[in-house]
Amino acid sequence: IRARVKANIVLTADLPGNPVTEVEVRCSPDGLITGRRVVKTSGDKAWNETVLRAIDRTEMLPRDVDGRVPATMVLILSRRD
């Protein structure tokens, strides 16, 4: 799931360090992302917004091996993973 979101990260600014943002993502049963919110900020507004935009671009999350998508999950995304 993180790899799918990371593929949609478009960062135009050079950020120092390795900011980490935790985002709660809500999904419908088919994987459609229905909402997201920062639950732990990185302290870098540009990185937080970049992560939120990447989640918006992702739109759908893949199903688990059992064919389901959790209704709510927390994604932890860092600049350098």
PDB file of N, CA and C in Angstrom:
ATOM      1  N   ILE A   1       0.838  -1.187   0.000  1.00  0.00           N
ATOM      2  CA  ILE A   1       0.000   0.000   0.000  1.00  0.00           C
ATOM      3  C   ILE A   1       0.878   1.244   0.000  1.00  0.00           C
ATOM      4  N   ARG A   2       1.915   1.233   0.863  1.00  0.00           N
ATOM      5  CA  ARG A   2       2.818   2.396   0.901  1.00  0.00           C
ATOM      6  C   ARG A   2       3.489   2.604  -0.448  1.00  0.00           C
ATOM      7  N   ALA A   3       3.884   1.523  -1.105  1.00  0.00           N
ATOM      8  CA  ALA A   3       4.543   1.641  -2.411  1.00  0.00           C
ATOM      9  C   ALA A   3       3.607   2.276  -3.432  1.00  0.00           C
ATOM     10  N   ARG A   4       2.337   1.928  -3.368  1.00  0.00           N
ATOM     11  CA  ARG A   4       1.369   2.506  -4.307  1.00  0.00           C
ATOM     12  C   ARG A   4       1.246   4.009  -4.084  1.00  0.00           C
ATOM     13  N   VAL A   5       1.204   4.440  -2.829  1.00  0.00           N
ATOM     14  CA  VAL A   5       1.107   5.868  -2.519  1.00  0.00           C
ATOM     15  C   VAL A   5       2.417   6.572  -2.860  1.00  0.00           C
ATOM     16  N   LYS A   6       3.558   5.974  -2.473  1.00  0.00           N
ATOM     17  CA  LYS A   6       4.868   6.599  -2.735  1.00  0.00           C
ATOM     18  C   LYS A   6       5.081   6.847  -4.225  1.00  0.00           C
ATOM     19  N   ALA A   7       4.544   5.994  -5.072  1.00  0.00           N
ATOM     20  CA  ALA A   7       4.681   6.176  -6.521  1.00  0.00           C
ATOM     21  C   ALA A   7       3.997   7.456  -6.995  1.00  0.00           C
ATOM     22  N   ASN A   8       3.069   7.983  -6.213  1.00  0.00           N
ATOM     23  CA  ASN A   8       2.334   9.193  -6.585  1.00  0.00           C
ATOM     24  C   ASN A   8       2.857  10.460  -5.917  1.00  0.00           C
ATOM     25  N   ILE A   9       3.973  10.345  -5.213  1.00  0.00           N
ATOM     26  CA  ILE A   9       4.558  11.522  -4.574  1.00  0.00           C
ATOM     27  C   ILE A   9       5.293  12.360  -5.607  1.00  0.00           C
ATOM     28  N   VAL A  10       4.898  13.621  -5.698  1.00  0.00           N
ATOM     29  CA  VAL A  10       5.547  14.579  -6.586  1.00  0.00           C
ATOM     30  C   VAL A  10       6.022  15.715  -5.694  1.00  0.00           C
ATOM     31  N   LEU A  11       7.339  15.797  -5.533  1.00  0.00           N
ATOM     32  CA  LEU A  11       7.917  16.792  -4.640  1.00  0.00           C
ATOM     33  C   LEU A  11       8.823  17.704  -5.447  1.00  0.00           C
ATOM     34  N   THR A  12       8.476  18.983  -5.476  1.00  0.00           N
ATOM     35  CA  THR A  12       9.270  19.931  -6.253  1.00  0.00           C
ATOM     36  C   THR A  12      10.309  20.640  -5.401  1.00  0.00           C
ATOM     37  N   ALA A  13      10.108  20.663  -4.097  1.00  0.00           N
ATOM     38  CA  ALA A  13      11.052  21.336  -3.197  1.00  0.00           C
ATOM     39  C   ALA A  13      12.029  20.319  -2.616  1.00  0.00           C
ATOM     40  N   ASP A  14      13.231  20.781  -2.311  1.00  0.00           N
ATOM     41  CA  ASP A  14      14.214  19.936  -1.660  1.00  0.00           C
ATOM     42  C   ASP A  14      14.016  20.060  -0.156  1.00  0.00           C
ATOM     43  N   LEU A  15      13.654  18.948   0.483  1.00  0.00           N
ATOM     44  CA  LEU A  15      13.400  18.974   1.918  1.00  0.00           C
ATOM     45  C   LEU A  15      14.611  18.447   2.674  1.00  0.00           C
ATOM     46  N   PRO A  16      15.003  19.140   3.728  1.00  0.00           N
ATOM     47  CA  PRO A  16      16.112  18.642   4.547  1.00  0.00           C
ATOM     48  C   PRO A  16      15.661  17.483   5.425  1.00  0.00           C
ATOM     49  N   GLY A  17      16.581  16.600   5.740  1.00  0.00           N
ATOM     50  CA  GLY A  17      16.282  15.507   6.660  1.00  0.00           C
ATOM     51  C   GLY A  17      15.366  14.467   6.054  1.00  0.00           C
ATOM     52  N   ASN A  18      14.680  13.763   6.932  1.00  0.00           N
ATOM     53  CA  ASN A  18      13.782  12.691   6.525  1.00  0.00           C
ATOM     54  C   ASN A  18      12.439  12.850   7.244  1.00  0.00           C
ATOM     55  N   PRO A  19      11.608  13.822   6.809  1.00  0.00           N
ATOM     56  CA  PRO A  19      10.333  14.026   7.490  1.00  0.00           C
ATOM     57  C   PRO A  19       9.436  12.798   7.383  1.00  0.00           C
ATOM     58  N   VAL A  20       8.678  12.534   8.436  1.00  0.00           N
ATOM     59  CA  VAL A  20       7.764  11.388   8.494  1.00  0.00           C
ATOM     60  C   VAL A  20       6.377  11.898   8.864  1.00  0.00           C
ATOM     61  N   THR A  21       5.380  11.508   8.082  1.00  0.00           N
ATOM     62  CA  THR A  21       3.999  11.909   8.329  1.00  0.00           C
ATOM     63  C   THR A  21       3.143  10.665   8.501  1.00  0.00           C
ATOM     64  N   GLU A  22       2.255  10.679   9.496  1.00  0.00           N
ATOM     65  CA  GLU A  22       1.306   9.584   9.693  1.00  0.00           C
ATOM     66  C   GLU A  22      -0.074  10.084   9.276  1.00  0.00           C
ATOM     67  N   VAL A  23      -0.715   9.327   8.391  1.00  0.00           N
ATOM     68  CA  VAL A  23      -2.008   9.731   7.851  1.00  0.00           C
ATOM     69  C   VAL A  23      -3.022   8.608   8.045  1.00  0.00           C
ATOM     70  N   GLU A  24      -4.173   8.954   8.597  1.00  0.00           N
ATOM     71  CA  GLU A  24      -5.279   8.007   8.676  1.00  0.00           C
ATOM     72  C   GLU A  24      -6.015   8.044   7.339  1.00  0.00           C
ATOM     73  N   VAL A  25      -6.198   6.879   6.744  1.00  0.00           N
ATOM     74  CA  VAL A  25      -6.878   6.769   5.458  1.00  0.00           C
ATOM     75  C   VAL A  25      -8.145   5.938   5.653  1.00  0.00           C
ATOM     76  N   ARG A  26      -9.268   6.443   5.159  1.00  0.00           N
ATOM     77  CA  ARG A  26     -10.531   5.723   5.205  1.00  0.00           C
ATOM     78  C   ARG A  26     -10.874   5.239   3.801  1.00  0.00           C
ATOM     79  N   CYS A  27     -11.362   4.002   3.722  1.00  0.00           N
ATOM     80  CA  CYS A  27     -11.653   3.387   2.414  1.00  0.00           C
ATOM     81  C   CYS A  27     -13.019   2.724   2.410  1.00  0.00           C
ATOM     82  N   SER A  28     -13.590   2.635   1.226  1.00  0.00           N
ATOM     83  CA  SER A  28     -14.805   1.853   1.038  1.00  0.00           C
ATOM     84  C   SER A  28     -14.392   0.381   0.892  1.00  0.00           C
ATOM     85  N   PRO A  29     -15.330  -0.550   0.942  1.00  0.00           N
ATOM     86  CA  PRO A  29     -14.986  -1.973   0.855  1.00  0.00           C
ATOM     87  C   PRO A  29     -14.245  -2.369  -0.428  1.00  0.00           C
ATOM     88  N   ASP A  30     -14.434  -1.608  -1.504  1.00  0.00           N
ATOM     89  CA  ASP A  30     -13.743  -1.943  -2.757  1.00  0.00           C
ATOM     90  C   ASP A  30     -12.367  -1.296  -2.879  1.00  0.00           C
ATOM     91  N   GLY A  31     -11.952  -0.513  -1.872  1.00  0.00           N
ATOM     92  CA  GLY A  31     -10.624   0.098  -1.877  1.00  0.00           C
ATOM     93  C   GLY A  31     -10.598   1.569  -2.258  1.00  0.00           C
ATOM     94  N   LEU A  32     -11.727   2.146  -2.613  1.00  0.00           N
ATOM     95  CA  LEU A  32     -11.787   3.564  -2.949  1.00  0.00           C
ATOM     96  C   LEU A  32     -11.475   4.389  -1.707  1.00  0.00           C
ATOM     97  N   ILE A  33     -10.533   5.313  -1.822  1.00  0.00           N
ATOM     98  CA  ILE A  33     -10.177   6.172  -0.699  1.00  0.00           C
ATOM     99  C   ILE A  33     -11.272   7.219  -0.534  1.00  0.00           C
ATOM    100  N   THR A  34     -11.889   7.231   0.644  1.00  0.00           N
ATOM    101  CA  THR A  34     -13.005   8.150   0.882  1.00  0.00           C
ATOM    102  C   THR A  34     -12.625   9.317   1.791  1.00  0.00           C
ATOM    103  N   GLY A  35     -11.477   9.234   2.441  1.00  0.00           N
ATOM    104  CA  GLY A  35     -11.043  10.328   3.297  1.00  0.00           C
ATOM    105  C   GLY A  35      -9.638  10.096   3.808  1.00  0.00           C
ATOM    106  N   ARG A  36      -8.999  11.184   4.219  1.00  0.00           N
ATOM    107  CA  ARG A  36      -7.661  11.090   4.796  1.00  0.00           C
ATOM    108  C   ARG A  36      -7.417  12.296   5.664  1.00  0.00           C
ATOM    109  N   ARG A  37      -6.597  12.090   6.730  1.00  0.00           N
ATOM    110  CA  ARG A  37      -6.249  13.207   7.605  1.00  0.00           C
ATOM    111  C   ARG A  37      -4.914  12.901   8.270  1.00  0.00           C
ATOM    112  N   VAL A  38      -4.138  13.939   8.489  1.00  0.00           N
ATOM    113  CA  VAL A  38      -2.849  13.795   9.157  1.00  0.00           C
ATOM    114  C   VAL A  38      -3.127  13.553  10.645  1.00  0.00           C
ATOM    115  N   VAL A  39      -2.578  12.459  11.190  1.00  0.00           N
ATOM    116  CA  VAL A  39      -2.727  12.186  12.617  1.00  0.00           C
ATOM    117  C   VAL A  39      -1.442  12.507  13.378  1.00  0.00           C
ATOM    118  N   LYS A  40      -0.315  12.534  12.675  1.00  0.00           N
ATOM    119  CA  LYS A  40       0.950  12.958  13.282  1.00  0.00           C
ATOM    120  C   LYS A  40       1.755  13.689  12.212  1.00  0.00           C
ATOM    121  N   THR A  41       1.914  14.976  12.407  1.00  0.00           N
ATOM    122  CA  THR A  41       2.604  15.808  11.429  1.00  0.00           C
ATOM    123  C   THR A  41       4.112  15.556  11.451  1.00  0.00           C
ATOM    124  N   SER A  42       4.731  15.795  10.325  1.00  0.00           N
ATOM    125  CA  SER A  42       6.187  15.672  10.221  1.00  0.00           C
ATOM    126  C   SER A  42       6.876  16.925  10.744  1.00  0.00           C
ATOM    127  N   GLY A  43       6.105  17.992  10.888  1.00  0.00           N
ATOM    128  CA  GLY A  43       6.688  19.279  11.243  1.00  0.00           C
ATOM    129  C   GLY A  43       7.055  20.095  10.017  1.00  0.00           C
ATOM    130  N   ASP A  44       6.914  19.489   8.849  1.00  0.00           N
ATOM    131  CA  ASP A  44       7.217  20.160   7.581  1.00  0.00           C
ATOM    132  C   ASP A  44       5.925  20.227   6.770  1.00  0.00           C
ATOM    133  N   LYS A  45       5.363  21.411   6.677  1.00  0.00           N
ATOM    134  CA  LYS A  45       4.072  21.592   6.005  1.00  0.00           C
ATOM    135  C   LYS A  45       4.106  21.105   4.553  1.00  0.00           C
ATOM    136  N   ALA A  46       5.197  21.379   3.846  1.00  0.00           N
ATOM    137  CA  ALA A  46       5.304  20.969   2.444  1.00  0.00           C
ATOM    138  C   ALA A  46       5.248  19.448   2.311  1.00  0.00           C
ATOM    139  N   TRP A  47       5.936  18.730   3.218  1.00  0.00           N
ATOM    140  CA  TRP A  47       5.924  17.261   3.139  1.00  0.00           C
ATOM    141  C   TRP A  47       4.535  16.717   3.475  1.00  0.00           C
ATOM    142  N   ASN A  48       3.896  17.262   4.503  1.00  0.00           N
ATOM    143  CA  ASN A  48       2.546  16.813   4.864  1.00  0.00           C
ATOM    144  C   ASN A  48       1.589  16.973   3.683  1.00  0.00           C
ATOM    145  N   GLU A  49       1.630  18.120   3.034  1.00  0.00           N
ATOM    146  CA  GLU A  49       0.741  18.373   1.894  1.00  0.00           C
ATOM    147  C   GLU A  49       1.082  17.468   0.718  1.00  0.00           C
ATOM    148  N   THR A  50       2.366  17.198   0.516  1.00  0.00           N
ATOM    149  CA  THR A  50       2.792  16.296  -0.561  1.00  0.00           C
ATOM    150  C   THR A  50       2.220  14.902  -0.335  1.00  0.00           C
ATOM    151  N   VAL A  51       2.259  14.431   0.896  1.00  0.00           N
ATOM    152  CA  VAL A  51       1.728  13.112   1.229  1.00  0.00           C
ATOM    153  C   VAL A  51       0.219  13.069   0.987  1.00  0.00           C
ATOM    154  N   LEU A  52      -0.499  14.095   1.416  1.00  0.00           N
ATOM    155  CA  LEU A  52      -1.949  14.130   1.212  1.00  0.00           C
ATOM    156  C   LEU A  52      -2.303  14.142  -0.279  1.00  0.00           C
ATOM    157  N   ARG A  53      -1.554  14.905  -1.068  1.00  0.00           N
ATOM    158  CA  ARG A  53      -1.805  14.925  -2.519  1.00  0.00           C
ATOM    159  C   ARG A  53      -1.529  13.556  -3.142  1.00  0.00           C
ATOM    160  N   ALA A  54      -0.494  12.878  -2.679  1.00  0.00           N
ATOM    161  CA  ALA A  54      -0.169  11.543  -3.204  1.00  0.00           C
ATOM    162  C   ALA A  54      -1.300  10.560  -2.897  1.00  0.00           C
ATOM    163  N   ILE A  55      -1.873  10.659  -1.718  1.00  0.00           N
ATOM    164  CA  ILE A  55      -3.003   9.787  -1.364  1.00  0.00           C
ATOM    165  C   ILE A  55      -4.194  10.104  -2.255  1.00  0.00           C
ATOM    166  N   ASP A  56      -4.453  11.387  -2.498  1.00  0.00           N
ATOM    167  CA  ASP A  56      -5.544  11.772  -3.400  1.00  0.00           C
ATOM    168  C   ASP A  56      -5.320  11.210  -4.802  1.00  0.00           C
ATOM    169  N   ARG A  57      -4.093  11.254  -5.292  1.00  0.00           N
ATOM    170  CA  ARG A  57      -3.784  10.738  -6.630  1.00  0.00           C
ATOM    171  C   ARG A  57      -3.929   9.216  -6.699  1.00  0.00           C
ATOM    172  N   THR A  58      -3.705   8.551  -5.601  1.00  0.00           N
ATOM    173  CA  THR A  58      -3.771   7.090  -5.569  1.00  0.00           C
ATOM    174  C   THR A  58      -5.195   6.598  -5.805  1.00  0.00           C
ATOM    175  N   GLU A  59      -6.171   7.266  -5.241  1.00  0.00           N
ATOM    176  CA  GLU A  59      -7.599   7.001  -5.403  1.00  0.00           C
ATOM    177  C   GLU A  59      -8.071   5.642  -4.899  1.00  0.00           C
ATOM    178  N   MET A  60      -7.412   4.542  -5.297  1.00  0.00           N
ATOM    179  CA  MET A  60      -7.836   3.190  -4.905  1.00  0.00           C
ATOM    180  C   MET A  60      -6.660   2.465  -4.263  1.00  0.00           C
ATOM    181  N   LEU A  61      -6.951   1.694  -3.219  1.00  0.00           N
ATOM    182  CA  LEU A  61      -5.929   0.871  -2.590  1.00  0.00           C
ATOM    183  C   LEU A  61      -6.193  -0.597  -2.929  1.00  0.00           C
ATOM    184  N   PRO A  62      -5.148  -1.386  -3.009  1.00  0.00           N
ATOM    185  CA  PRO A  62      -5.334  -2.797  -3.368  1.00  0.00           C
ATOM    186  C   PRO A  62      -5.982  -3.579  -2.227  1.00  0.00           C
ATOM    187  N   ARG A  63      -6.634  -4.660  -2.592  1.00  0.00           N
ATOM    188  CA  ARG A  63      -7.261  -5.528  -1.602  1.00  0.00           C
ATOM    189  C   ARG A  63      -6.216  -6.463  -1.004  1.00  0.00           C
ATOM    190  N   ASP A  64      -6.485  -6.909   0.225  1.00  0.00           N
ATOM    191  CA  ASP A  64      -5.631  -7.897   0.876  1.00  0.00           C
ATOM    192  C   ASP A  64      -5.770  -9.237   0.171  1.00  0.00           C
ATOM    193  N   VAL A  65      -4.984 -10.209   0.603  1.00  0.00           N
ATOM    194  CA  VAL A  65      -5.060 -11.550   0.017  1.00  0.00           C
ATOM    195  C   VAL A  65      -6.437 -12.173   0.220  1.00  0.00           C
ATOM    196  N   ASP A  66      -7.159 -11.716   1.249  1.00  0.00           N
ATOM    197  CA  ASP A  66      -8.508 -12.232   1.488  1.00  0.00           C
ATOM    198  C   ASP A  66      -9.573 -11.458   0.709  1.00  0.00           C
ATOM    199  N   GLY A  67      -9.146 -10.492  -0.120  1.00  0.00           N
ATOM    200  CA  GLY A  67     -10.068  -9.756  -0.970  1.00  0.00           C
ATOM    201  C   GLY A  67     -10.713  -8.551  -0.327  1.00  0.00           C
ATOM    202  N   ARG A  68     -10.249  -8.185   0.872  1.00  0.00           N
ATOM    203  CA  ARG A  68     -10.862  -7.050   1.566  1.00  0.00           C
ATOM    204  C   ARG A  68      -9.872  -5.892   1.697  1.00  0.00           C
ATOM    205  N   VAL A  69     -10.425  -4.729   1.969  1.00  0.00           N
ATOM    206  CA  VAL A  69      -9.633  -3.537   2.259  1.00  0.00           C
ATOM    207  C   VAL A  69     -10.100  -3.033   3.623  1.00  0.00           C
ATOM    208  N   PRO A  70      -9.172  -2.795   4.558  1.00  0.00           N
ATOM    209  CA  PRO A  70      -9.597  -2.270   5.864  1.00  0.00           C
ATOM    210  C   PRO A  70     -10.322  -0.934   5.701  1.00  0.00           C
ATOM    211  N   ALA A  71     -11.335  -0.705   6.524  1.00  0.00           N
ATOM    212  CA  ALA A  71     -12.100   0.537   6.446  1.00  0.00           C
ATOM    213  C   ALA A  71     -11.247   1.733   6.842  1.00  0.00           C
ATOM    214  N   THR A  72     -10.340   1.542   7.806  1.00  0.00           N
ATOM    215  CA  THR A  72      -9.461   2.612   8.273  1.00  0.00           C
ATOM    216  C   THR A  72      -8.078   2.037   8.504  1.00  0.00           C
ATOM    217  N   MET A  73      -7.065   2.791   8.105  1.00  0.00           N
ATOM    218  CA  MET A  73      -5.680   2.383   8.358  1.00  0.00           C
ATOM    219  C   MET A  73      -4.830   3.627   8.521  1.00  0.00           C
ATOM    220  N   VAL A  74      -3.685   3.469   9.160  1.00  0.00           N
ATOM    221  CA  VAL A  74      -2.743   4.568   9.313  1.00  0.00           C
ATOM    222  C   VAL A  74      -1.509   4.242   8.478  1.00  0.00           C
ATOM    223  N   LEU A  75      -1.181   5.142   7.567  1.00  0.00           N
ATOM    224  CA  LEU A  75       0.007   5.007   6.737  1.00  0.00           C
ATOM    225  C   LEU A  75       1.096   5.907   7.293  1.00  0.00           C
ATOM    226  N   ILE A  76       2.291   5.372   7.383  1.00  0.00           N
ATOM    227  CA  ILE A  76       3.447   6.141   7.840  1.00  0.00           C
ATOM    228  C   ILE A  76       4.363   6.305   6.636  1.00  0.00           C
ATOM    229  N   LEU A  77       4.507   7.548   6.192  1.00  0.00           N
ATOM    230  CA  LEU A  77       5.297   7.832   4.988  1.00  0.00           C
ATOM    231  C   LEU A  77       6.431   8.788   5.307  1.00  0.00           C
ATOM    232  N   SER A  78       7.625   8.377   4.910  1.00  0.00           N
ATOM    233  CA  SER A  78       8.807   9.221   5.122  1.00  0.00           C
ATOM    234  C   SER A  78       9.385   9.619   3.773  1.00  0.00           C
ATOM    235  N   ARG A  79      10.145  10.685   3.789  1.00  0.00           N
ATOM    236  CA  ARG A  79      10.770  11.187   2.560  1.00  0.00           C
ATOM    237  C   ARG A  79      11.717  10.160   1.975  1.00  0.00           C
ATOM    238  N   ARG A  80      12.543   9.589   2.828  1.00  0.00           N
ATOM    239  CA  ARG A  80      13.505   8.586   2.364  1.00  0.00           C
ATOM    240  C   ARG A  80      13.166   7.263   3.026  1.00  0.00           C
ATOM    241  N   ASP A  81      12.672   6.357   2.240  1.00  0.00           N
ATOM    242  CA  ASP A  81      12.284   5.049   2.762  1.00  0.00           C
ATOM    243  C   ASP A  81      13.169   3.966   2.255  1.00  0.00           C
TER     244      ASP A  81
END
